[in-house]
Amino acid sequence: MARLDAEHRSHLVERYFPRASHQVIILSTDTEVDQHFYADLEPHIARAYHLSYNDKAKKTTGEEGYFWPTETTNGRKKPAK
C-alpha cells in the first residue's frame, strides 16, 4: 500500500478489504494502515497483532494490538485518539 496514492489506498481500505473474503490477513506498517484507516477497518477486524523483532534474541514475537495504544469500548479494541 505504501506505493499507492491516497485515493487508491482509501479505495482498498473502504471497498476491497471488507469484501475480499470472510478471512483476510493484512501485513502493514504503521504508515500504510494509520489510525484513520484502522478505524475504518475496525468493524471488520477480529484480531490485530503487532510483530516485534528482538535483535538480541534474534526472534520475532507477536503481541495482540497494533502500533499504538488502544482503548477498549464495548469489549472491542479501538485505536486511541
C-alpha atoms as a PDB file:
ATOM      1  CA  MET A   1       0.000   0.000   0.000  1.00  0.00           C
ATOM      2  CA  ALA A   2       2.944   2.326   0.507  1.00  0.00           C
ATOM      3  CA  ARG A   3       3.339   2.902  -3.233  1.00  0.00           C
ATOM      4  CA  LEU A   4      -0.322   3.760  -3.796  1.00  0.00           C
ATOM      5  CA  ASP A   5      -1.641   7.291  -3.858  1.00  0.00           C
ATOM      6  CA  ALA A   6      -4.104   8.348  -1.158  1.00  0.00           C
ATOM      7  CA  GLU A   7      -7.196   7.792  -3.304  1.00  0.00           C
ATOM      8  CA  HIS A   8      -6.294   4.219  -4.243  1.00  0.00           C
ATOM      9  CA  ARG A   9      -5.243   3.401  -0.685  1.00  0.00           C
ATOM     10  CA  SER A  10      -8.636   4.666   0.544  1.00  0.00           C
ATOM     11  CA  HIS A  11     -10.440   2.526  -2.027  1.00  0.00           C
ATOM     12  CA  LEU A  12      -8.587  -0.569  -0.836  1.00  0.00           C
ATOM     13  CA  VAL A  13      -9.482   0.098   2.798  1.00  0.00           C
ATOM     14  CA  GLU A  14     -13.086   1.169   2.206  1.00  0.00           C
ATOM     15  CA  ARG A  15     -14.111  -1.105  -0.665  1.00  0.00           C
ATOM     16  CA  TYR A  16     -11.802  -4.055  -1.191  1.00  0.00           C
ATOM     17  CA  PHE A  17     -10.558  -5.324   2.190  1.00  0.00           C
ATOM     18  CA  PRO A  18     -14.003  -5.511   3.866  1.00  0.00           C
ATOM     19  CA  ARG A  19     -15.421  -7.508   0.940  1.00  0.00           C
ATOM     20  CA  ALA A  20     -12.410  -9.561  -0.208  1.00  0.00           C
ATOM     21  CA  SER A  21     -13.294 -12.676   1.778  1.00  0.00           C
ATOM     22  CA  HIS A  22     -14.505 -13.824   5.171  1.00  0.00           C
ATOM     23  CA  GLN A  23     -10.865 -14.081   6.236  1.00  0.00           C
ATOM     24  CA  VAL A  24      -8.120 -11.706   5.089  1.00  0.00           C
ATOM     25  CA  ILE A  25      -4.651 -11.186   6.521  1.00  0.00           C
ATOM     26  CA  ILE A  26      -3.168  -7.729   6.043  1.00  0.00           C
ATOM     27  CA  LEU A  27       0.501  -7.185   6.837  1.00  0.00           C
ATOM     28  CA  SER A  28       1.235  -3.484   7.052  1.00  0.00           C
ATOM     29  CA  THR A  29       3.383  -0.806   8.559  1.00  0.00           C
ATOM     30  CA  ASP A  30       2.004   1.918  10.817  1.00  0.00           C
ATOM     31  CA  THR A  31       2.050   4.372   7.921  1.00  0.00           C
ATOM     32  CA  GLU A  32       0.271   2.099   5.433  1.00  0.00           C
ATOM     33  CA  VAL A  33      -2.651   1.453   7.774  1.00  0.00           C
ATOM     34  CA  ASP A  34      -2.680   4.518  10.001  1.00  0.00           C
ATOM     35  CA  GLN A  35      -5.168   5.307  12.774  1.00  0.00           C
ATOM     36  CA  HIS A  36      -7.740   6.663  10.300  1.00  0.00           C
ATOM     37  CA  PHE A  37      -7.609   3.551   8.082  1.00  0.00           C
ATOM     38  CA  TYR A  38      -7.546   1.283  11.143  1.00  0.00           C
ATOM     39  CA  ALA A  39     -10.740   2.932  12.430  1.00  0.00           C
ATOM     40  CA  ASP A  40     -12.375   2.321   9.022  1.00  0.00           C
ATOM     41  CA  LEU A  41     -11.328  -1.341   9.073  1.00  0.00           C
ATOM     42  CA  GLU A  42     -12.048  -1.923  12.772  1.00  0.00           C
ATOM     43  CA  PRO A  43     -15.636  -3.190  12.336  1.00  0.00           C
ATOM     44  CA  HIS A  44     -14.211  -5.954  10.119  1.00  0.00           C
ATOM     45  CA  ILE A  45     -11.193  -6.845  12.311  1.00  0.00           C
ATOM     46  CA  ALA A  46     -11.399  -9.932  14.523  1.00  0.00           C
ATOM     47  CA  ARG A  47      -7.821  -9.632  15.802  1.00  0.00           C
ATOM     48  CA  ALA A  48      -4.824  -7.352  15.338  1.00  0.00           C
ATOM     49  CA  TYR A  49      -1.229  -8.216  16.176  1.00  0.00           C
ATOM     50  CA  HIS A  50       1.997  -6.279  16.282  1.00  0.00           C
ATOM     51  CA  LEU A  51       5.135  -8.199  15.359  1.00  0.00           C
ATOM     52  CA  SER A  52       8.177  -7.131  17.373  1.00  0.00           C
ATOM     53  CA  TYR A  53      11.696  -8.228  16.492  1.00  0.00           C
ATOM     54  CA  ASN A  54      14.160  -8.697  19.338  1.00  0.00           C
ATOM     55  CA  ASP A  55      17.624  -8.182  17.841  1.00  0.00           C
ATOM     56  CA  LYS A  56      19.395  -9.568  20.908  1.00  0.00           C
ATOM     57  CA  ALA A  57      17.359 -12.790  20.958  1.00  0.00           C
ATOM     58  CA  LYS A  58      17.164 -12.891  17.132  1.00  0.00           C
ATOM     59  CA  LYS A  59      13.450 -13.679  17.169  1.00  0.00           C
ATOM     60  CA  THR A  60      10.088 -12.109  16.406  1.00  0.00           C
ATOM     61  CA  THR A  61       7.137 -12.275  18.763  1.00  0.00           C
ATOM     62  CA  GLY A  62       3.512 -11.429  18.116  1.00  0.00           C
ATOM     63  CA  GLU A  63       1.662  -9.260  20.595  1.00  0.00           C
ATOM     64  CA  GLU A  64      -2.055  -8.524  20.446  1.00  0.00           C
ATOM     65  CA  GLY A  65      -2.711  -4.936  19.394  1.00  0.00           C
ATOM     66  CA  TYR A  66      -1.406  -2.641  16.685  1.00  0.00           C
ATOM     67  CA  PHE A  67       1.270   0.069  16.550  1.00  0.00           C
ATOM     68  CA  TRP A  68      -0.286   2.496  19.034  1.00  0.00           C
ATOM     69  CA  PRO A  69      -2.001   2.143  22.426  1.00  0.00           C
ATOM     70  CA  THR A  70      -5.614   1.040  22.286  1.00  0.00           C
ATOM     71  CA  GLU A  71      -8.602   1.617  24.494  1.00  0.00           C
ATOM     72  CA  THR A  72     -11.438  -0.853  24.949  1.00  0.00           C
ATOM     73  CA  THR A  73     -15.004   0.183  24.173  1.00  0.00           C
ATOM     74  CA  ASN A  74     -17.850  -2.343  24.449  1.00  0.00           C
ATOM     75  CA  GLY A  75     -15.298  -5.155  24.601  1.00  0.00           C
ATOM     76  CA  ARG A  76     -13.753  -4.146  21.255  1.00  0.00           C
ATOM     77  CA  LYS A  77     -10.306  -2.644  20.859  1.00  0.00           C
ATOM     78  CA  LYS A  78     -10.191   0.731  19.122  1.00  0.00           C
ATOM     79  CA  PRO A  79      -7.283   2.995  18.255  1.00  0.00           C
ATOM     80  CA  ALA A  80      -6.511   5.604  20.890  1.00  0.00           C
ATOM     81  CA  LYS A  81      -7.411   9.120  19.818  1.00  0.00           C
END
